[in-house]
Amino acid sequence: MKRRALLSSAAGGLASARAGYGQPLRRRLKLRVANPDAPVVDAGMATPRPASNEFPPTVVETSHGRLLFIGTNHSVAVPLAPGVHILKEPGCALAAPPVFSIGGIVHEMRLGRLPMLYDIPTREYWRHTYCGAFDLLTLPASGARPEWVYAITHCENKNLSFKTRFTRIFTTNSVNPADEATPATTSGALTGEFREYQPAYFGFVGMAYAPVTAETKWGAELFHHDQGPILWPPTGMMTPDGSRKHPGYRNPHPHPSLLLAEDPKDGQPYLYVFAVDSGQREGDGTMVMAARAPLASHGLPGAFRNYCRGEYSEPSLPADRKQPIEVLRTLPGGRCDPIHPDLDGTSVRPNRFFAARLRRSGLFLSVEAFSAAEGGRTYSELGLRLSEDLRVWSERFPIPGTRTERGAKTGPLRLAYPKFLDAGGRSHHLIDEAETFYILGTKPYELAYRELRIAIG
């Protein structure tokens, strides 16, 4: 009983399993948005520069206090005063000095944390260019292990160019360094408009943690324990001979999310990760995949299993995961399936998938961002889904008022990289569906939100 109480109070939103979840979707799940006319609102949150809300911030509650993680190519943590609600008091992000949490090596150079001509080590290949804490939660203390702030990171390794006060610098990726960064083969704003050079662009889902101790400024400094990738593309990143980017590896933008929840089938707690991966067939766009690790494993690399053929069964990383990147880049990760047939990349292009537990029903609610084409125009939109067991998901329920056309100068604000926030502003992963709660997103680089009320039938 004591263990269950501890898990239920974790910031990740663990709730106890209900009986009868053994058969996925035994009943038809229905959902209605009860406030269809709610607008998307600019949160008006200023951020400590040069950090920005490229993706939505995360509130983390520990036994020592609360932290607000704000992120882009690097993340900072800002201590929050007791009772502060980030949407009702948006000045909270500037109320205390920010603490550097984690970041890409190139941007540590730009921030002055490393020399500008620093020789980037290949052993830290996952954070060569970019490393942002995309989602976080608190892991309760267990045995000799203290309480942790646990982060899932979106990492990038690509050719990049940027200007300093005196010159322009080119940094070459370390996954395929033969494709050297030049004015023609780099990502950056060489002509005033930022562009991405895809042949030398590689993305990773990693993890980092910070024990809630004084040495990590009470969970704020993740960089001390950056553990690297926990997922790997099923195709590998390079062709078997290492000569070029694998043609099946088409998505370096995983945009991961995190959930700590008990499996309703076995009652055991797991860390679940959802991420965007390349579609499984040639010509497909992107798909949403899932993986999980037992909580007892602490979510370390090597512990995750991909969702495949209805279960979490396939090892996420290559068997030789401790090899150098020169070897790893050609090795495939574990097989995986899309978590829903219409998230396989053939009809829409998913951009992010985020899930939370509903406090009263015990169901799981997700919000997804996707893009599609209609009448010759490309648009982005948000949708909701329900699940009983984090294996099978309902059809998509579109959220009214969230469709935005690409390049439109007017219309609703965009909610990119969406995630939930409960009514009290305390949790992203455990939501009371009887209350009005929030969807957070960016428009981009600035926080926006929409109030949400739902009715489940």
Protein backbone atom coordinates (compact mmCIF):
# COMPACT_ATOMS: atom_id res chain seq x y z
CA MET A 1 0.00 0.00 0.00
CA LYS A 2 2.85 2.36 0.80
CA ARG A 3 4.46 1.70 -2.62
CA ARG A 4 1.20 2.40 -4.46
CA ALA A 5 0.77 5.70 -2.60
CA LEU A 6 4.30 6.77 -3.52
CA LEU A 7 3.76 5.98 -7.17
CA SER A 8 0.43 7.75 -7.32
CA SER A 9 1.96 10.94 -5.99
CA ALA A 10 4.85 10.99 -8.47
CA ALA A 11 4.99 14.06 -10.71
CA GLY A 12 4.78 11.76 -13.73
CA GLY A 13 1.14 11.12 -12.90
CA LEU A 14 1.10 7.45 -11.98
CA ALA A 15 -2.42 6.27 -11.20
CA SER A 16 -3.44 2.80 -10.11
CA ALA A 17 -4.68 0.31 -12.69
CA ARG A 18 -8.35 -0.59 -12.96
CA ALA A 19 -9.62 -4.09 -13.39
CA GLY A 20 -10.96 -5.10 -16.79
CA TYR A 21 -8.29 -3.48 -18.98
CA GLY A 22 -6.96 -6.80 -20.23
CA GLN A 23 -8.79 -6.60 -23.56
CA PRO A 24 -7.90 -3.43 -25.53
CA LEU A 25 -10.83 -1.21 -26.43
CA ARG A 26 -13.51 -3.68 -25.41
CA ARG A 27 -15.91 -0.74 -25.65
CA ARG A 28 -16.12 2.03 -28.16
CA LEU A 29 -14.54 5.12 -26.63
CA LYS A 30 -16.16 8.43 -27.47
CA LEU A 31 -14.96 11.91 -26.68
CA ARG A 32 -16.46 15.35 -27.19
CA VAL A 33 -14.75 18.72 -26.85
CA ALA A 34 -17.16 20.59 -24.58
CA ASN A 35 -15.74 24.06 -25.30
CA PRO A 36 -15.35 24.06 -29.10
CA ASP A 37 -15.16 27.86 -29.35
CA ALA A 38 -12.26 28.32 -26.92
CA PRO A 39 -9.54 30.42 -28.60
CA VAL A 40 -5.82 29.80 -28.75
CA VAL A 41 -4.24 32.47 -26.54
CA ASP A 42 -0.77 33.99 -26.43
CA ALA A 43 0.52 33.23 -22.92
CA GLY A 44 2.66 36.37 -22.86
CA MET A 45 5.54 34.52 -21.19
CA ALA A 46 8.89 36.29 -21.43
CA THR A 47 11.86 33.95 -21.19
CA PRO A 48 15.42 34.40 -19.92
CA ARG A 49 17.48 35.03 -23.06
CA PRO A 50 18.96 33.36 -24.99
CA ALA A 51 16.65 30.53 -23.93
CA SER A 52 13.24 30.42 -25.59
CA ASN A 53 10.09 28.34 -25.72
CA GLU A 54 10.88 26.60 -28.99
CA PHE A 55 8.81 23.79 -27.49
CA PRO A 56 6.46 24.17 -24.49
CA PRO A 57 8.00 24.44 -21.03
CA THR A 58 7.64 21.73 -18.39
CA VAL A 59 6.73 22.19 -14.73
CA VAL A 60 8.50 19.65 -12.50
CA GLU A 61 7.58 19.20 -8.86
CA THR A 62 10.05 17.58 -6.47
CA SER A 63 10.25 17.16 -2.71
CA HIS A 64 12.48 20.26 -2.64
CA GLY A 65 10.28 22.57 -4.71
CA ARG A 66 9.20 23.27 -8.27
CA LEU A 67 11.21 23.97 -11.42
CA LEU A 68 10.19 25.35 -14.80
CA PHE A 69 12.28 23.92 -17.66
CA ILE A 70 12.44 26.16 -20.74
CA GLY A 71 14.10 24.86 -23.87
CA THR A 72 15.40 25.15 -27.37
CA ASN A 73 18.88 23.92 -28.49
CA HIS A 74 19.68 24.05 -24.77
CA SER A 75 17.44 24.04 -21.70
CA VAL A 76 17.43 26.12 -18.54
CA ALA A 77 15.57 25.58 -15.28
CA VAL A 78 13.93 28.41 -13.35
CA PRO A 79 12.88 27.87 -9.70
CA LEU A 80 9.16 28.52 -9.21
CA ALA A 81 7.68 30.06 -6.09
CA PRO A 82 5.04 27.96 -4.26
CA GLY A 83 1.58 28.26 -5.79
CA VAL A 84 2.68 29.94 -9.04
CA HIS A 85 0.61 29.01 -12.10
CA ILE A 86 2.69 29.59 -15.25
CA LEU A 87 -0.33 30.67 -17.36
CA LYS A 88 -1.78 33.01 -14.74
CA GLU A 89 1.58 34.50 -13.74
CA PRO A 90 3.66 34.34 -16.96
CA GLY A 91 6.32 36.60 -15.47
CA CYS A 92 7.39 33.64 -13.33
CA ALA A 93 10.02 32.64 -15.92
CA LEU A 94 11.96 35.81 -15.06
CA ALA A 95 11.36 35.77 -11.31
CA ALA A 96 14.60 33.91 -10.49
CA PRO A 97 17.96 33.48 -12.25
CA PRO A 98 17.93 30.59 -14.74
CA VAL A 99 20.16 27.56 -14.21
CA PHE A 100 21.81 25.97 -17.26
CA SER A 101 20.43 22.44 -17.42
CA ILE A 102 21.62 20.72 -20.60
CA GLY A 103 22.49 21.67 -24.16
CA GLY A 104 24.02 20.91 -27.52
CA ILE A 105 27.80 21.24 -27.65
CA VAL A 106 27.75 23.79 -30.48
CA HIS A 107 25.43 25.98 -28.45
CA GLU A 108 27.53 25.59 -25.32
CA MET A 109 30.30 27.09 -27.47
CA ARG A 110 28.00 29.95 -28.51
CA LEU A 111 27.00 30.54 -24.88
CA GLY A 112 30.64 30.78 -23.80
CA ARG A 113 30.54 27.60 -21.72
CA LEU A 114 33.09 26.04 -24.09
CA PRO A 115 35.82 27.62 -26.27
CA MET A 116 34.57 28.77 -29.67
CA LEU A 117 37.09 26.48 -31.44
CA TYR A 118 36.36 23.52 -29.16
CA ASP A 119 37.14 20.12 -30.69
CA ILE A 120 33.78 18.37 -30.35
CA PRO A 121 34.30 14.77 -29.13
CA THR A 122 32.61 12.08 -31.23
CA ARG A 123 31.81 10.08 -28.07
CA GLU A 124 29.05 12.63 -27.34
CA TYR A 125 27.67 12.43 -30.85
CA TRP A 126 23.99 12.68 -29.83
CA ARG A 127 24.33 16.25 -28.53
CA HIS A 128 26.76 17.53 -31.15
CA THR A 129 24.45 20.38 -32.22
CA TYR A 130 21.27 20.39 -30.14
CA CYS A 131 20.10 18.86 -26.86
CA GLY A 132 16.84 20.10 -25.33
CA ALA A 133 14.87 18.61 -22.43
CA PHE A 134 11.65 17.99 -24.37
CA ASP A 135 9.72 16.41 -21.50
CA LEU A 136 10.46 15.74 -17.83
CA LEU A 137 8.99 14.21 -14.70
CA THR A 138 10.04 13.16 -11.22
CA LEU A 139 11.03 9.59 -10.37
CA PRO A 140 10.36 8.77 -6.71
CA ALA A 141 13.27 7.63 -4.54
CA SER A 142 13.80 3.87 -4.59
CA GLY A 143 16.13 1.99 -2.28
CA ALA A 144 19.54 3.63 -2.34
CA ARG A 145 18.60 5.79 -5.35
CA PRO A 146 17.44 9.30 -4.41
CA GLU A 147 14.59 11.14 -6.08
CA TRP A 148 15.42 12.05 -9.69
CA VAL A 149 14.37 14.65 -12.18
CA TYR A 150 14.20 12.52 -15.34
CA ALA A 151 14.33 14.10 -18.79
CA ILE A 152 13.74 12.83 -22.28
CA THR A 153 15.89 14.82 -24.70
CA HIS A 154 15.53 15.75 -28.35
CA CYS A 155 19.05 15.78 -29.76
CA GLU A 156 20.53 16.65 -33.16
CA ASN A 157 23.83 16.17 -34.95
CA LYS A 158 24.01 18.12 -38.20
CA ASN A 159 26.10 20.44 -40.31
CA LEU A 160 25.56 23.93 -38.95
CA SER A 161 26.77 27.42 -39.73
CA PHE A 162 26.50 30.46 -37.50
CA LYS A 163 28.02 33.93 -37.25
CA THR A 164 30.08 35.30 -34.41
CA ARG A 165 31.00 38.94 -33.97
CA PHE A 166 34.05 38.52 -36.19
CA THR A 167 33.52 35.57 -38.54
CA ARG A 168 31.27 32.74 -39.73
CA ILE A 169 31.87 29.28 -38.32
CA PHE A 170 30.99 25.94 -39.94
CA THR A 171 30.65 22.79 -37.82
CA THR A 172 30.50 19.38 -39.52
CA ASN A 173 28.28 16.59 -38.22
CA SER A 174 30.03 13.60 -36.62
CA VAL A 175 27.67 10.86 -37.88
CA ASN A 176 28.74 11.28 -41.52
CA PRO A 177 31.72 13.66 -41.36
CA ALA A 178 32.57 12.89 -45.00
CA ASP A 179 29.65 15.20 -45.84
CA GLU A 180 31.56 18.27 -44.66
CA ALA A 181 29.85 21.55 -43.79
CA THR A 182 30.29 24.14 -46.54
CA PRO A 183 28.10 27.06 -47.66
CA ALA A 184 26.25 24.58 -49.91
CA THR A 185 26.01 21.70 -47.40
CA THR A 186 24.99 23.23 -44.12
CA SER A 187 21.96 24.17 -42.07
CA GLY A 188 21.79 27.82 -41.09
CA ALA A 189 20.76 31.28 -42.22
CA LEU A 190 23.43 31.97 -44.83
CA THR A 191 21.14 34.05 -47.03
CA GLY A 192 18.97 35.58 -44.32
CA GLU A 193 16.46 32.71 -44.19
CA PHE A 194 17.13 29.58 -42.12
CA ARG A 195 17.24 26.34 -44.09
CA GLU A 196 18.02 22.73 -43.21
CA TYR A 197 20.49 20.56 -45.11
CA GLN A 198 18.86 17.14 -44.76
CA PRO A 199 21.63 14.78 -46.04
CA ALA A 200 23.77 15.66 -43.01
CA TYR A 201 20.97 15.91 -40.42
CA PHE A 202 20.59 13.21 -37.74
CA GLY A 203 18.28 13.16 -34.71
CA PHE A 204 18.23 11.21 -31.45
CA VAL A 205 15.99 10.53 -28.45
CA GLY A 206 18.14 10.55 -25.33
CA MET A 207 17.74 10.68 -21.58
CA ALA A 208 19.39 12.53 -18.75
CA TYR A 209 18.70 12.71 -15.05
CA ALA A 210 19.53 14.85 -12.03
CA PRO A 211 19.36 13.55 -8.47
CA VAL A 212 17.43 16.04 -6.35
CA THR A 213 20.45 17.11 -4.34
CA ALA A 214 22.39 20.29 -3.72
CA GLU A 215 25.07 19.16 -6.21
CA THR A 216 22.58 19.45 -9.12
CA LYS A 217 20.92 22.59 -7.73
CA TRP A 218 18.03 20.37 -6.60
CA GLY A 219 17.40 18.67 -9.93
CA ALA A 220 18.05 21.61 -12.26
CA GLU A 221 21.41 20.51 -13.74
CA LEU A 222 20.85 17.54 -16.01
CA PHE A 223 24.20 17.73 -17.81
CA HIS A 224 26.02 15.84 -15.04
CA HIS A 225 24.17 12.64 -16.01
CA ASP A 226 23.50 12.85 -19.75
CA GLN A 227 23.23 9.17 -20.71
CA GLY A 228 22.70 9.44 -24.46
CA PRO A 229 20.27 7.66 -26.79
CA ILE A 230 17.53 5.33 -25.59
CA LEU A 231 15.86 4.83 -29.00
CA TRP A 232 17.37 4.12 -32.43
CA PRO A 233 15.90 4.20 -35.95
CA PRO A 234 14.89 0.71 -37.17
CA THR A 235 16.82 1.25 -40.42
CA GLY A 236 19.94 2.62 -38.83
CA MET A 237 21.15 6.06 -39.91
CA MET A 238 23.60 5.15 -42.65
CA THR A 239 23.69 2.47 -45.31
CA PRO A 240 25.50 -0.74 -44.23
CA ASP A 241 28.69 0.34 -46.00
CA GLY A 242 28.60 3.76 -44.29
CA SER A 243 28.71 5.64 -47.58
CA ARG A 244 25.51 7.68 -47.27
CA LYS A 245 22.42 8.37 -45.22
CA HIS A 246 20.08 5.38 -45.23
CA PRO A 247 17.19 6.03 -47.66
CA GLY A 248 14.73 4.65 -45.11
CA TYR A 249 15.89 7.09 -42.44
CA ARG A 250 13.89 10.18 -43.37
CA ASN A 251 12.97 11.82 -40.08
CA PRO A 252 15.58 13.39 -37.76
CA HIS A 253 12.86 15.20 -35.74
CA PRO A 254 11.62 12.82 -32.98
CA HIS A 255 9.94 15.44 -30.71
CA PRO A 256 9.59 12.89 -27.86
CA SER A 257 7.21 12.81 -24.90
CA LEU A 258 7.23 10.89 -21.65
CA LEU A 259 4.74 9.20 -19.30
CA LEU A 260 5.13 7.27 -16.05
CA ALA A 261 2.18 4.91 -15.68
CA GLU A 262 1.20 1.45 -14.58
CA ASP A 263 0.37 -1.07 -17.26
CA PRO A 264 -3.31 -1.91 -16.71
CA LYS A 265 -2.53 -5.50 -17.77
CA ASP A 266 0.14 -6.37 -15.21
CA GLY A 267 -0.10 -3.48 -12.74
CA GLN A 268 3.63 -2.75 -13.00
CA PRO A 269 5.00 0.80 -13.46
CA TYR A 270 6.77 1.71 -16.69
CA LEU A 271 8.31 4.76 -18.32
CA TYR A 272 6.65 5.22 -21.72
CA VAL A 273 8.19 7.26 -24.54
CA PHE A 274 6.36 8.38 -27.69
CA ALA A 275 8.35 9.74 -30.62
CA VAL A 276 8.06 10.54 -34.31
CA ASP A 277 9.98 8.13 -36.54
CA SER A 278 10.30 7.47 -40.26
CA GLY A 279 7.40 5.68 -41.88
CA GLN A 280 7.83 1.96 -42.43
CA ARG A 281 7.40 1.96 -46.22
CA GLU A 282 9.38 3.73 -48.91
CA GLY A 283 7.70 7.02 -49.69
CA ASP A 284 5.87 7.27 -46.37
CA GLY A 285 6.22 10.38 -44.25
CA THR A 286 6.53 9.94 -40.50
CA MET A 287 4.86 7.70 -37.95
CA VAL A 288 4.35 7.73 -34.18
CA MET A 289 6.18 4.95 -32.36
CA ALA A 290 6.27 4.01 -28.67
CA ALA A 291 8.67 2.30 -26.31
CA ARG A 292 8.73 1.59 -22.60
CA ALA A 293 11.09 0.55 -19.79
CA PRO A 294 10.30 -0.83 -16.33
CA LEU A 295 10.51 1.84 -13.64
CA ALA A 296 12.88 -0.46 -11.77
CA SER A 297 15.38 0.03 -14.63
CA HIS A 298 15.39 3.78 -13.99
CA GLY A 299 14.78 4.29 -17.73
CA LEU A 300 18.47 3.96 -18.60
CA PRO A 301 19.73 3.17 -22.13
CA GLY A 302 19.21 -0.45 -23.02
CA ALA A 303 16.09 -0.85 -20.87
CA PHE A 304 13.49 0.26 -23.43
CA ARG A 305 11.42 -2.05 -25.65
CA ASN A 306 9.59 -0.87 -28.77
CA TYR A 307 5.89 -1.39 -29.36
CA CYS A 308 5.64 -4.03 -32.10
CA ARG A 309 2.80 -6.38 -33.05
CA GLY A 310 0.66 -5.37 -30.12
CA GLU A 311 3.24 -5.56 -27.33
CA TYR A 312 6.34 -3.80 -26.02
CA SER A 313 8.74 -6.53 -27.08
CA GLU A 314 11.58 -5.35 -29.34
CA PRO A 315 14.85 -3.96 -27.89
CA SER A 316 15.01 -0.29 -28.82
CA LEU A 317 18.78 0.00 -29.24
CA PRO A 318 21.20 -2.05 -31.34
CA ALA A 319 22.73 -5.02 -29.52
CA ASP A 320 26.18 -3.40 -29.81
CA ARG A 321 24.99 -0.05 -28.43
CA LYS A 322 28.35 0.74 -26.78
CA GLN A 323 30.19 0.79 -30.09
CA PRO A 324 31.53 4.14 -31.39
CA ILE A 325 29.30 6.12 -33.71
CA GLU A 326 31.40 5.05 -36.71
CA VAL A 327 29.94 1.55 -36.13
CA LEU A 328 26.59 2.41 -34.57
CA ARG A 329 25.51 4.62 -37.47
CA THR A 330 25.09 1.56 -39.75
CA LEU A 331 23.30 -0.66 -37.19
CA PRO A 332 19.51 -0.95 -37.10
CA GLY A 333 17.46 -0.45 -33.99
CA GLY A 334 14.58 -2.68 -32.97
CA ARG A 335 11.47 -3.18 -35.08
CA CYS A 336 8.49 -0.99 -34.26
CA ASP A 337 4.93 -0.43 -35.44
CA PRO A 338 2.90 2.76 -35.54
CA ILE A 339 0.71 3.07 -32.47
CA HIS A 340 -2.38 3.54 -34.67
CA PRO A 341 -3.00 2.68 -38.34
CA ASP A 342 -3.65 6.30 -39.32
CA LEU A 343 -0.38 7.39 -37.69
CA ASP A 344 1.73 5.33 -40.09
CA GLY A 345 2.71 8.31 -42.25
CA THR A 346 0.53 7.57 -45.28
CA SER A 347 -2.39 9.97 -44.71
CA VAL A 348 -1.07 12.67 -42.36
CA ARG A 349 2.36 13.72 -41.14
CA PRO A 350 2.54 13.50 -37.32
CA ASN A 351 4.63 16.14 -35.59
CA ARG A 352 4.20 15.18 -31.93
CA PHE A 353 2.21 12.79 -29.73
CA PHE A 354 1.76 13.42 -25.99
CA ALA A 355 -0.17 11.24 -23.50
CA ALA A 356 -1.46 11.69 -19.95
CA ARG A 357 -3.46 9.62 -17.47
CA LEU A 358 -7.00 10.74 -16.62
CA ARG A 359 -7.53 10.79 -12.88
CA ARG A 360 -11.19 9.77 -12.69
CA SER A 361 -11.72 7.26 -15.50
CA GLY A 362 -8.23 5.76 -15.49
CA LEU A 363 -8.14 6.13 -19.27
CA PHE A 364 -5.23 7.65 -21.17
CA LEU A 365 -5.74 10.83 -23.20
CA SER A 366 -3.40 11.94 -25.96
CA VAL A 367 -2.98 15.10 -27.98
CA GLU A 368 -1.25 14.99 -31.34
CA ALA A 369 -0.12 17.58 -33.84
CA PHE A 370 -0.18 16.62 -37.50
CA SER A 371 -0.09 18.20 -40.93
CA ALA A 372 -2.03 17.21 -44.04
CA ALA A 373 -3.12 18.59 -47.39
CA GLU A 374 -6.62 19.48 -48.55
CA GLY A 375 -7.63 21.30 -51.71
CA GLY A 376 -4.02 21.96 -52.62
CA ARG A 377 -3.30 23.63 -49.28
CA THR A 378 -1.22 22.29 -46.40
CA TYR A 379 -2.52 22.75 -42.88
CA SER A 380 -1.65 21.79 -39.30
CA GLU A 381 -4.21 20.62 -36.74
CA LEU A 382 -4.51 19.02 -33.30
CA GLY A 383 -6.47 15.93 -32.34
CA LEU A 384 -7.24 13.86 -29.25
CA ARG A 385 -7.37 10.09 -28.71
CA LEU A 386 -8.25 7.75 -25.86
CA SER A 387 -6.70 4.44 -24.80
CA GLU A 388 -7.35 1.88 -22.10
CA ASP A 389 -3.91 0.29 -22.08
CA LEU A 390 -1.34 2.37 -24.04
CA ARG A 391 -1.39 -0.27 -26.76
CA VAL A 392 -4.55 0.42 -28.73
CA TRP A 393 -5.81 3.96 -29.35
CA SER A 394 -9.20 5.25 -30.49
CA GLU A 395 -9.78 7.16 -33.67
CA ARG A 396 -8.74 10.81 -33.73
CA PHE A 397 -11.10 13.46 -32.34
CA PRO A 398 -10.16 16.81 -33.98
CA ILE A 399 -9.95 19.85 -31.69
CA PRO A 400 -12.06 22.70 -33.09
CA GLY A 401 -10.25 25.94 -33.83
CA THR A 402 -6.75 24.47 -34.05
CA ARG A 403 -6.40 24.19 -37.84
CA THR A 404 -3.84 26.62 -39.24
CA GLU A 405 -2.82 26.93 -42.89
CA ARG A 406 0.85 26.96 -43.72
CA GLY A 407 2.04 30.47 -44.51
CA ALA A 408 -1.24 32.10 -43.45
CA LYS A 409 -0.89 35.67 -42.15
CA THR A 410 -4.20 35.57 -40.26
CA GLY A 411 -6.21 32.95 -38.40
CA PRO A 412 -5.73 31.13 -35.09
CA LEU A 413 -2.35 30.90 -33.40
CA ARG A 414 -0.46 27.68 -33.88
CA LEU A 415 0.03 25.17 -31.06
CA ALA A 416 3.21 23.37 -32.08
CA TYR A 417 4.62 20.46 -30.05
CA PRO A 418 1.47 20.24 -27.85
CA LYS A 419 1.26 18.91 -24.32
CA PHE A 420 -1.28 19.04 -21.48
CA LEU A 421 -1.26 21.03 -18.25
CA ASP A 422 -3.75 20.34 -15.47
CA ALA A 423 -6.09 22.96 -14.07
CA GLY A 424 -3.84 23.76 -11.12
CA GLY A 425 -0.72 24.15 -13.26
CA ARG A 426 1.09 21.37 -11.39
CA SER A 427 1.15 18.34 -13.70
CA HIS A 428 1.38 17.62 -17.40
CA HIS A 429 0.87 13.87 -17.07
CA LEU A 430 -2.06 13.44 -14.65
CA ILE A 431 -5.24 15.29 -15.62
CA ASP A 432 -8.59 15.59 -13.84
CA GLU A 433 -11.02 15.34 -16.73
CA ALA A 434 -13.82 16.84 -14.65
CA GLU A 435 -12.01 20.19 -14.69
CA THR A 436 -11.04 22.63 -17.40
CA PHE A 437 -7.40 22.01 -18.23
CA TYR A 438 -4.99 23.26 -20.90
CA ILE A 439 -3.16 22.36 -24.08
CA LEU A 440 0.19 24.12 -24.30
CA GLY A 441 2.05 24.73 -27.54
CA THR A 442 4.29 27.25 -29.25
CA LYS A 443 3.52 29.61 -32.11
CA PRO A 444 6.56 29.01 -32.46
CA TYR A 445 9.24 30.09 -29.95
CA GLU A 446 6.57 31.73 -27.78
CA LEU A 447 4.14 29.96 -25.50
CA ALA A 448 0.46 29.73 -26.42
CA TYR A 449 -2.39 27.70 -24.94
CA ARG A 450 -6.02 26.66 -25.28
CA GLU A 451 -8.42 25.77 -22.50
CA LEU A 452 -9.98 22.34 -22.89
CA ARG A 453 -13.06 20.68 -21.46
CA ILE A 454 -13.95 17.18 -22.52
CA ALA A 455 -16.84 14.78 -22.12
CA ILE A 456 -16.19 11.04 -22.43
CA GLY A 457 -19.09 8.80 -23.45
